[in-house]
Amino acid sequence: PEGDDDEEEPRRKRTRRANDEAAAEGEDARAAAGEGARAPAPEGPPAPSELRCWLRRLDADGSNRGRFESYAPAFEREFDSLEDLALAADGAPEGLEGMLRACGVGTFGDRARLRWAVAGLPRPGPAAVV
């Protein structure tokens, strides 16, 4: 029985070492498979589009904050940039009034302010021909 204690300690150490090695191998396998890997931290919300910022500035100039920004999803769906909005306003067969209605601008006052604001947008120069 005294000899059993002498043999038991090395056996426990070997078993503990084997268990530790198996656990480490399992972690390595999970890492290789992409399991347990941390996802990159979110970078925050995307920056607002130039169209949304432009509509926010109209809100700041007027008395109803947030009123014009509420049209942002429709404007962002229809136009990629302020330049596109200005070009489309100049060339739309239904005119700017039809475009504003298509973007859900329902009130006469909102359409009037947006007509004024679109008229002030810079227009791009002629495209260079290569």
N, C-alpha and C. Protein backbone atom coordinates (compact mmCIF):
# COMPACT_ATOMS: atom_id res chain seq x y z
N PRO A 1 0.81 -1.20 0.00
CA PRO A 1 0.00 0.00 0.00
C PRO A 1 0.85 1.26 0.00
N GLU A 2 2.06 1.28 0.71
CA GLU A 2 2.88 2.48 0.66
C GLU A 2 3.39 2.70 -0.74
N GLY A 3 3.72 1.69 -1.45
CA GLY A 3 4.20 1.79 -2.82
C GLY A 3 3.13 2.31 -3.75
N ASP A 4 1.85 2.02 -3.43
CA ASP A 4 0.75 2.50 -4.26
C ASP A 4 0.70 4.02 -4.26
N ASP A 5 0.96 4.67 -3.11
CA ASP A 5 0.96 6.13 -3.04
C ASP A 5 2.09 6.71 -3.88
N ASP A 6 3.24 6.05 -3.88
CA ASP A 6 4.38 6.53 -4.66
C ASP A 6 4.07 6.47 -6.16
N GLU A 7 3.34 5.47 -6.58
CA GLU A 7 2.99 5.33 -7.99
C GLU A 7 1.80 6.21 -8.38
N GLU A 8 0.92 6.49 -7.44
CA GLU A 8 -0.30 7.25 -7.70
C GLU A 8 0.01 8.69 -8.10
N GLU A 9 0.94 9.34 -7.44
CA GLU A 9 1.28 10.74 -7.73
C GLU A 9 1.77 10.92 -9.17
N PRO A 10 2.74 10.15 -9.65
CA PRO A 10 3.16 10.31 -11.05
C PRO A 10 2.01 10.01 -12.03
N ARG A 11 1.16 9.05 -11.68
CA ARG A 11 0.04 8.73 -12.56
C ARG A 11 -0.92 9.92 -12.64
N ARG A 12 -1.20 10.58 -11.50
CA ARG A 12 -2.07 11.76 -11.50
C ARG A 12 -1.47 12.88 -12.34
N LYS A 13 -0.16 13.08 -12.23
CA LYS A 13 0.51 14.12 -13.01
C LYS A 13 0.40 13.83 -14.50
N ARG A 14 0.61 12.55 -14.87
CA ARG A 14 0.51 12.18 -16.28
C ARG A 14 -0.91 12.41 -16.79
N THR A 15 -1.89 12.03 -15.98
CA THR A 15 -3.29 12.20 -16.39
C THR A 15 -3.62 13.68 -16.53
N ARG A 16 -3.18 14.49 -15.57
CA ARG A 16 -3.44 15.93 -15.62
C ARG A 16 -2.79 16.55 -16.86
N ARG A 17 -1.54 16.13 -17.14
CA ARG A 17 -0.81 16.65 -18.31
C ARG A 17 -1.53 16.24 -19.59
N ALA A 18 -2.00 14.98 -19.66
CA ALA A 18 -2.71 14.51 -20.85
C ALA A 18 -4.02 15.29 -21.03
N ASN A 19 -4.71 15.57 -19.93
CA ASN A 19 -5.96 16.34 -20.01
C ASN A 19 -5.68 17.78 -20.48
N ASP A 20 -4.62 18.37 -19.96
CA ASP A 20 -4.26 19.74 -20.36
C ASP A 20 -3.90 19.79 -21.85
N GLU A 21 -3.14 18.79 -22.30
CA GLU A 21 -2.76 18.74 -23.71
C GLU A 21 -3.98 18.56 -24.61
N ALA A 22 -4.92 17.71 -24.19
CA ALA A 22 -6.13 17.48 -24.98
C ALA A 22 -6.96 18.76 -25.05
N ALA A 23 -7.05 19.47 -23.94
CA ALA A 23 -7.80 20.73 -23.93
C ALA A 23 -7.15 21.75 -24.86
N ALA A 24 -5.83 21.84 -24.84
CA ALA A 24 -5.12 22.77 -25.71
C ALA A 24 -5.32 22.41 -27.17
N GLU A 25 -5.29 21.13 -27.49
CA GLU A 25 -5.53 20.69 -28.87
C GLU A 25 -6.94 21.05 -29.32
N GLY A 26 -7.90 20.90 -28.42
CA GLY A 26 -9.29 21.25 -28.74
C GLY A 26 -9.43 22.74 -29.01
N GLU A 27 -8.75 23.57 -28.23
CA GLU A 27 -8.78 25.01 -28.45
C GLU A 27 -8.15 25.36 -29.79
N ASP A 28 -7.03 24.69 -30.12
CA ASP A 28 -6.37 24.94 -31.40
C ASP A 28 -7.29 24.55 -32.56
N ALA A 29 -7.98 23.43 -32.43
CA ALA A 29 -8.88 22.98 -33.49
C ALA A 29 -10.04 23.95 -33.65
N ARG A 30 -10.61 24.42 -32.53
CA ARG A 30 -11.72 25.38 -32.61
C ARG A 30 -11.25 26.69 -33.24
N ALA A 31 -10.06 27.14 -32.89
CA ALA A 31 -9.53 28.38 -33.46
C ALA A 31 -9.30 28.22 -34.95
N ALA A 32 -8.79 27.07 -35.38
CA ALA A 32 -8.56 26.83 -36.81
C ALA A 32 -9.88 26.79 -37.58
N ALA A 33 -10.93 26.30 -36.93
CA ALA A 33 -12.23 26.22 -37.57
C ALA A 33 -12.99 27.54 -37.47
N GLY A 34 -12.41 28.52 -36.76
CA GLY A 34 -13.07 29.82 -36.63
C GLY A 34 -14.05 29.88 -35.48
N GLU A 35 -14.15 28.79 -34.70
CA GLU A 35 -15.05 28.78 -33.56
C GLU A 35 -14.38 29.49 -32.40
N GLY A 36 -15.15 30.19 -31.66
CA GLY A 36 -14.62 30.85 -30.48
C GLY A 36 -13.82 32.10 -30.81
N ALA A 37 -13.65 32.39 -32.09
CA ALA A 37 -12.93 33.60 -32.47
C ALA A 37 -13.83 34.80 -32.21
N ARG A 38 -13.24 35.84 -31.76
CA ARG A 38 -14.02 37.04 -31.49
C ARG A 38 -14.31 37.78 -32.78
N ALA A 39 -15.54 38.22 -32.89
CA ALA A 39 -15.92 39.03 -34.05
C ALA A 39 -15.32 40.42 -33.85
N PRO A 40 -14.98 41.09 -34.94
CA PRO A 40 -14.45 42.43 -34.79
C PRO A 40 -15.49 43.33 -34.12
N ALA A 41 -15.01 44.25 -33.34
CA ALA A 41 -15.90 45.16 -32.64
C ALA A 41 -16.62 46.04 -33.67
N PRO A 42 -17.91 46.30 -33.46
CA PRO A 42 -18.62 47.15 -34.40
C PRO A 42 -18.01 48.55 -34.41
N GLU A 43 -17.99 49.13 -35.59
CA GLU A 43 -17.38 50.44 -35.74
C GLU A 43 -18.36 51.57 -35.50
N GLY A 44 -19.56 51.28 -35.14
CA GLY A 44 -20.56 52.31 -34.93
C GLY A 44 -21.44 52.45 -36.17
N PRO A 45 -22.40 53.33 -36.09
CA PRO A 45 -23.31 53.49 -37.23
C PRO A 45 -22.59 54.10 -38.43
N PRO A 46 -23.07 53.78 -39.63
CA PRO A 46 -22.43 54.36 -40.81
C PRO A 46 -22.63 55.87 -40.84
N ALA A 47 -21.73 56.56 -41.49
CA ALA A 47 -21.83 58.01 -41.61
C ALA A 47 -23.07 58.36 -42.44
N PRO A 48 -23.75 59.44 -42.10
CA PRO A 48 -24.93 59.82 -42.88
C PRO A 48 -24.53 60.24 -44.29
N SER A 49 -25.40 59.99 -45.23
CA SER A 49 -25.15 60.36 -46.63
C SER A 49 -25.16 61.88 -46.77
N GLU A 50 -24.59 62.36 -47.89
CA GLU A 50 -24.60 63.81 -48.12
C GLU A 50 -26.03 64.30 -48.31
N LEU A 51 -26.90 63.46 -48.86
CA LEU A 51 -28.31 63.85 -49.00
C LEU A 51 -28.95 64.05 -47.63
N ARG A 52 -28.69 63.12 -46.72
CA ARG A 52 -29.27 63.22 -45.37
C ARG A 52 -28.72 64.46 -44.66
N CYS A 53 -27.43 64.73 -44.79
CA CYS A 53 -26.85 65.92 -44.16
C CYS A 53 -27.46 67.20 -44.73
N TRP A 54 -27.69 67.22 -46.03
CA TRP A 54 -28.31 68.37 -46.69
C TRP A 54 -29.73 68.58 -46.14
N LEU A 55 -30.49 67.50 -46.01
CA LEU A 55 -31.84 67.61 -45.47
C LEU A 55 -31.81 68.06 -44.01
N ARG A 56 -30.82 67.60 -43.25
CA ARG A 56 -30.67 68.06 -41.85
C ARG A 56 -30.42 69.56 -41.80
N ARG A 57 -29.60 70.06 -42.73
CA ARG A 57 -29.32 71.50 -42.75
C ARG A 57 -30.60 72.28 -43.04
N LEU A 58 -31.45 71.74 -43.90
CA LEU A 58 -32.74 72.41 -44.15
C LEU A 58 -33.58 72.44 -42.88
N ASP A 59 -33.54 71.36 -42.13
CA ASP A 59 -34.26 71.34 -40.85
C ASP A 59 -33.73 72.40 -39.91
N ALA A 60 -32.41 72.55 -39.87
CA ALA A 60 -31.80 73.53 -38.96
C ALA A 60 -32.17 74.95 -39.37
N ASP A 61 -32.36 75.18 -40.68
CA ASP A 61 -32.73 76.51 -41.16
C ASP A 61 -34.20 76.82 -40.90
N GLY A 62 -35.01 75.81 -40.80
CA GLY A 62 -36.45 75.99 -40.60
C GLY A 62 -36.84 75.87 -39.15
N SER A 63 -38.14 75.78 -38.93
CA SER A 63 -38.64 75.73 -37.56
C SER A 63 -38.97 74.31 -37.09
N ASN A 64 -39.08 73.37 -38.02
CA ASN A 64 -39.47 72.00 -37.64
C ASN A 64 -38.31 71.05 -37.78
N ARG A 65 -37.57 70.84 -36.73
CA ARG A 65 -36.41 69.96 -36.76
C ARG A 65 -36.85 68.51 -37.01
N GLY A 66 -36.17 67.87 -37.96
CA GLY A 66 -36.47 66.48 -38.28
C GLY A 66 -37.48 66.31 -39.40
N ARG A 67 -38.18 67.37 -39.76
CA ARG A 67 -39.22 67.27 -40.79
C ARG A 67 -38.62 66.87 -42.13
N PHE A 68 -37.54 67.56 -42.56
CA PHE A 68 -36.97 67.25 -43.87
C PHE A 68 -36.14 65.97 -43.83
N GLU A 69 -35.51 65.69 -42.71
CA GLU A 69 -34.73 64.46 -42.62
C GLU A 69 -35.64 63.23 -42.76
N SER A 70 -36.90 63.38 -42.45
CA SER A 70 -37.82 62.23 -42.60
C SER A 70 -37.95 61.80 -44.06
N TYR A 71 -37.59 62.68 -45.01
CA TYR A 71 -37.63 62.34 -46.43
C TYR A 71 -36.33 61.64 -46.88
N ALA A 72 -35.34 61.56 -46.01
CA ALA A 72 -34.02 61.03 -46.40
C ALA A 72 -34.08 59.63 -47.01
N PRO A 73 -34.81 58.67 -46.44
CA PRO A 73 -34.80 57.34 -47.07
C PRO A 73 -35.25 57.37 -48.53
N ALA A 74 -36.26 58.17 -48.85
CA ALA A 74 -36.75 58.24 -50.23
C ALA A 74 -35.72 58.92 -51.12
N PHE A 75 -35.11 60.00 -50.66
CA PHE A 75 -34.09 60.68 -51.46
C PHE A 75 -32.88 59.78 -51.67
N GLU A 76 -32.48 59.05 -50.62
CA GLU A 76 -31.34 58.14 -50.74
C GLU A 76 -31.64 56.97 -51.68
N ARG A 77 -32.89 56.57 -51.74
CA ARG A 77 -33.29 55.48 -52.64
C ARG A 77 -33.25 55.96 -54.10
N GLU A 78 -33.61 57.20 -54.34
CA GLU A 78 -33.73 57.73 -55.70
C GLU A 78 -32.43 58.34 -56.25
N PHE A 79 -31.58 58.87 -55.36
CA PHE A 79 -30.39 59.60 -55.81
C PHE A 79 -29.16 59.13 -55.04
N ASP A 80 -28.02 59.09 -55.74
CA ASP A 80 -26.77 58.69 -55.11
C ASP A 80 -26.04 59.87 -54.48
N SER A 81 -26.32 61.07 -54.94
CA SER A 81 -25.59 62.25 -54.45
C SER A 81 -26.42 63.50 -54.67
N LEU A 82 -25.97 64.60 -54.11
CA LEU A 82 -26.62 65.89 -54.36
C LEU A 82 -26.48 66.29 -55.82
N GLU A 83 -25.35 65.93 -56.41
CA GLU A 83 -25.13 66.22 -57.82
C GLU A 83 -26.18 65.51 -58.67
N ASP A 84 -26.46 64.25 -58.37
CA ASP A 84 -27.49 63.50 -59.09
C ASP A 84 -28.86 64.15 -58.92
N LEU A 85 -29.15 64.61 -57.72
CA LEU A 85 -30.42 65.29 -57.46
C LEU A 85 -30.52 66.55 -58.31
N ALA A 86 -29.46 67.36 -58.34
CA ALA A 86 -29.47 68.59 -59.13
C ALA A 86 -29.64 68.30 -60.61
N LEU A 87 -28.92 67.30 -61.11
CA LEU A 87 -29.03 66.94 -62.53
C LEU A 87 -30.43 66.45 -62.87
N ALA A 88 -30.97 65.61 -62.02
CA ALA A 88 -32.31 65.06 -62.26
C ALA A 88 -33.35 66.17 -62.21
N ALA A 89 -33.19 67.12 -61.29
CA ALA A 89 -34.15 68.22 -61.18
C ALA A 89 -34.15 69.06 -62.45
N ASP A 90 -32.99 69.23 -63.05
CA ASP A 90 -32.90 70.03 -64.28
C ASP A 90 -33.46 69.29 -65.49
N GLY A 91 -33.36 67.95 -65.47
CA GLY A 91 -33.73 67.21 -66.67
C GLY A 91 -34.96 66.34 -66.55
N ALA A 92 -35.63 66.37 -65.42
CA ALA A 92 -36.77 65.48 -65.22
C ALA A 92 -37.95 65.90 -66.09
N PRO A 93 -38.51 64.96 -66.89
CA PRO A 93 -39.65 65.33 -67.73
C PRO A 93 -40.86 65.77 -66.91
N GLU A 94 -41.03 65.21 -65.74
CA GLU A 94 -42.17 65.60 -64.89
C GLU A 94 -41.84 66.80 -64.02
N GLY A 95 -40.60 67.28 -64.15
CA GLY A 95 -40.18 68.45 -63.41
C GLY A 95 -39.85 68.13 -61.96
N LEU A 96 -39.32 69.12 -61.32
CA LEU A 96 -38.92 68.97 -59.92
C LEU A 96 -40.13 68.64 -59.04
N GLU A 97 -41.26 69.23 -59.37
CA GLU A 97 -42.48 68.99 -58.57
C GLU A 97 -42.84 67.50 -58.55
N GLY A 98 -42.77 66.85 -59.71
CA GLY A 98 -43.06 65.42 -59.79
C GLY A 98 -42.05 64.59 -59.01
N MET A 99 -40.77 65.00 -59.08
CA MET A 99 -39.73 64.28 -58.33
C MET A 99 -39.98 64.39 -56.84
N LEU A 100 -40.35 65.57 -56.37
CA LEU A 100 -40.61 65.76 -54.94
C LEU A 100 -41.79 64.91 -54.50
N ARG A 101 -42.81 64.85 -55.31
CA ARG A 101 -43.96 64.00 -54.97
C ARG A 101 -43.56 62.53 -54.95
N ALA A 102 -42.71 62.12 -55.90
CA ALA A 102 -42.24 60.71 -55.95
C ALA A 102 -41.44 60.37 -54.70
N CYS A 103 -40.81 61.37 -54.09
CA CYS A 103 -40.04 61.14 -52.86
C CYS A 103 -40.91 61.31 -51.61
N GLY A 104 -42.22 61.48 -51.82
CA GLY A 104 -43.14 61.52 -50.68
C GLY A 104 -43.28 62.88 -50.02
N VAL A 105 -42.82 63.94 -50.68
CA VAL A 105 -42.95 65.28 -50.10
C VAL A 105 -44.37 65.75 -50.39
N GLY A 106 -45.21 65.73 -49.36
CA GLY A 106 -46.63 65.96 -49.56
C GLY A 106 -47.10 67.38 -49.38
N THR A 107 -46.52 68.12 -48.49
CA THR A 107 -47.07 69.45 -48.21
C THR A 107 -46.47 70.50 -49.14
N PHE A 108 -47.29 71.50 -49.43
CA PHE A 108 -46.85 72.58 -50.31
C PHE A 108 -45.65 73.31 -49.71
N GLY A 109 -45.68 73.55 -48.41
CA GLY A 109 -44.58 74.25 -47.75
C GLY A 109 -43.26 73.49 -47.85
N ASP A 110 -43.29 72.20 -47.66
CA ASP A 110 -42.08 71.39 -47.77
C ASP A 110 -41.58 71.38 -49.21
N ARG A 111 -42.50 71.26 -50.16
CA ARG A 111 -42.09 71.29 -51.57
C ARG A 111 -41.49 72.64 -51.94
N ALA A 112 -42.05 73.72 -51.42
CA ALA A 112 -41.53 75.07 -51.72
C ALA A 112 -40.11 75.22 -51.18
N ARG A 113 -39.88 74.80 -49.94
CA ARG A 113 -38.54 74.92 -49.36
C ARG A 113 -37.55 74.03 -50.12
N LEU A 114 -37.96 72.82 -50.49
CA LEU A 114 -37.07 71.93 -51.22
C LEU A 114 -36.79 72.45 -52.64
N ARG A 115 -37.78 73.06 -53.30
CA ARG A 115 -37.53 73.67 -54.62
C ARG A 115 -36.46 74.75 -54.49
N TRP A 116 -36.59 75.59 -53.47
CA TRP A 116 -35.62 76.66 -53.22
C TRP A 116 -34.23 76.07 -52.95
N ALA A 117 -34.18 75.02 -52.14
CA ALA A 117 -32.89 74.41 -51.77
C ALA A 117 -32.25 73.71 -52.97
N VAL A 118 -33.03 73.01 -53.78
CA VAL A 118 -32.48 72.32 -54.96
C VAL A 118 -31.97 73.34 -55.96
N ALA A 119 -32.66 74.47 -56.10
CA ALA A 119 -32.22 75.51 -57.03
C ALA A 119 -30.83 76.05 -56.63
N GLY A 120 -30.51 75.99 -55.34
CA GLY A 120 -29.21 76.47 -54.86
C GLY A 120 -28.09 75.46 -54.91
N LEU A 121 -28.39 74.25 -55.31
CA LEU A 121 -27.34 73.22 -55.39
C LEU A 121 -26.40 73.51 -56.55
N PRO A 122 -25.11 73.30 -56.37
CA PRO A 122 -24.19 73.49 -57.48
C PRO A 122 -24.42 72.44 -58.56
N ARG A 123 -24.31 72.87 -59.78
CA ARG A 123 -24.45 71.96 -60.92
C ARG A 123 -23.06 71.58 -61.41
N PRO A 124 -22.88 70.33 -61.80
CA PRO A 124 -21.57 69.93 -62.31
C PRO A 124 -21.33 70.56 -63.68
N GLY A 125 -20.05 70.76 -63.97
CA GLY A 125 -19.69 71.26 -65.29
C GLY A 125 -19.83 70.16 -66.32
N PRO A 126 -19.62 70.51 -67.59
CA PRO A 126 -19.73 69.48 -68.63
C PRO A 126 -18.66 68.42 -68.44
N ALA A 127 -19.02 67.19 -68.72
CA ALA A 127 -18.10 66.07 -68.56
C ALA A 127 -17.02 66.16 -69.64
N ALA A 128 -15.80 65.87 -69.26
CA ALA A 128 -14.70 65.87 -70.21
C ALA A 128 -14.79 64.64 -71.10
N VAL A 129 -14.62 64.84 -72.38
CA VAL A 129 -14.65 63.73 -73.33
C VAL A 129 -13.22 63.25 -73.52
N VAL A 130 -13.02 61.95 -73.34
CA VAL A 130 -11.66 61.40 -73.47
C VAL A 130 -11.50 60.75 -74.81
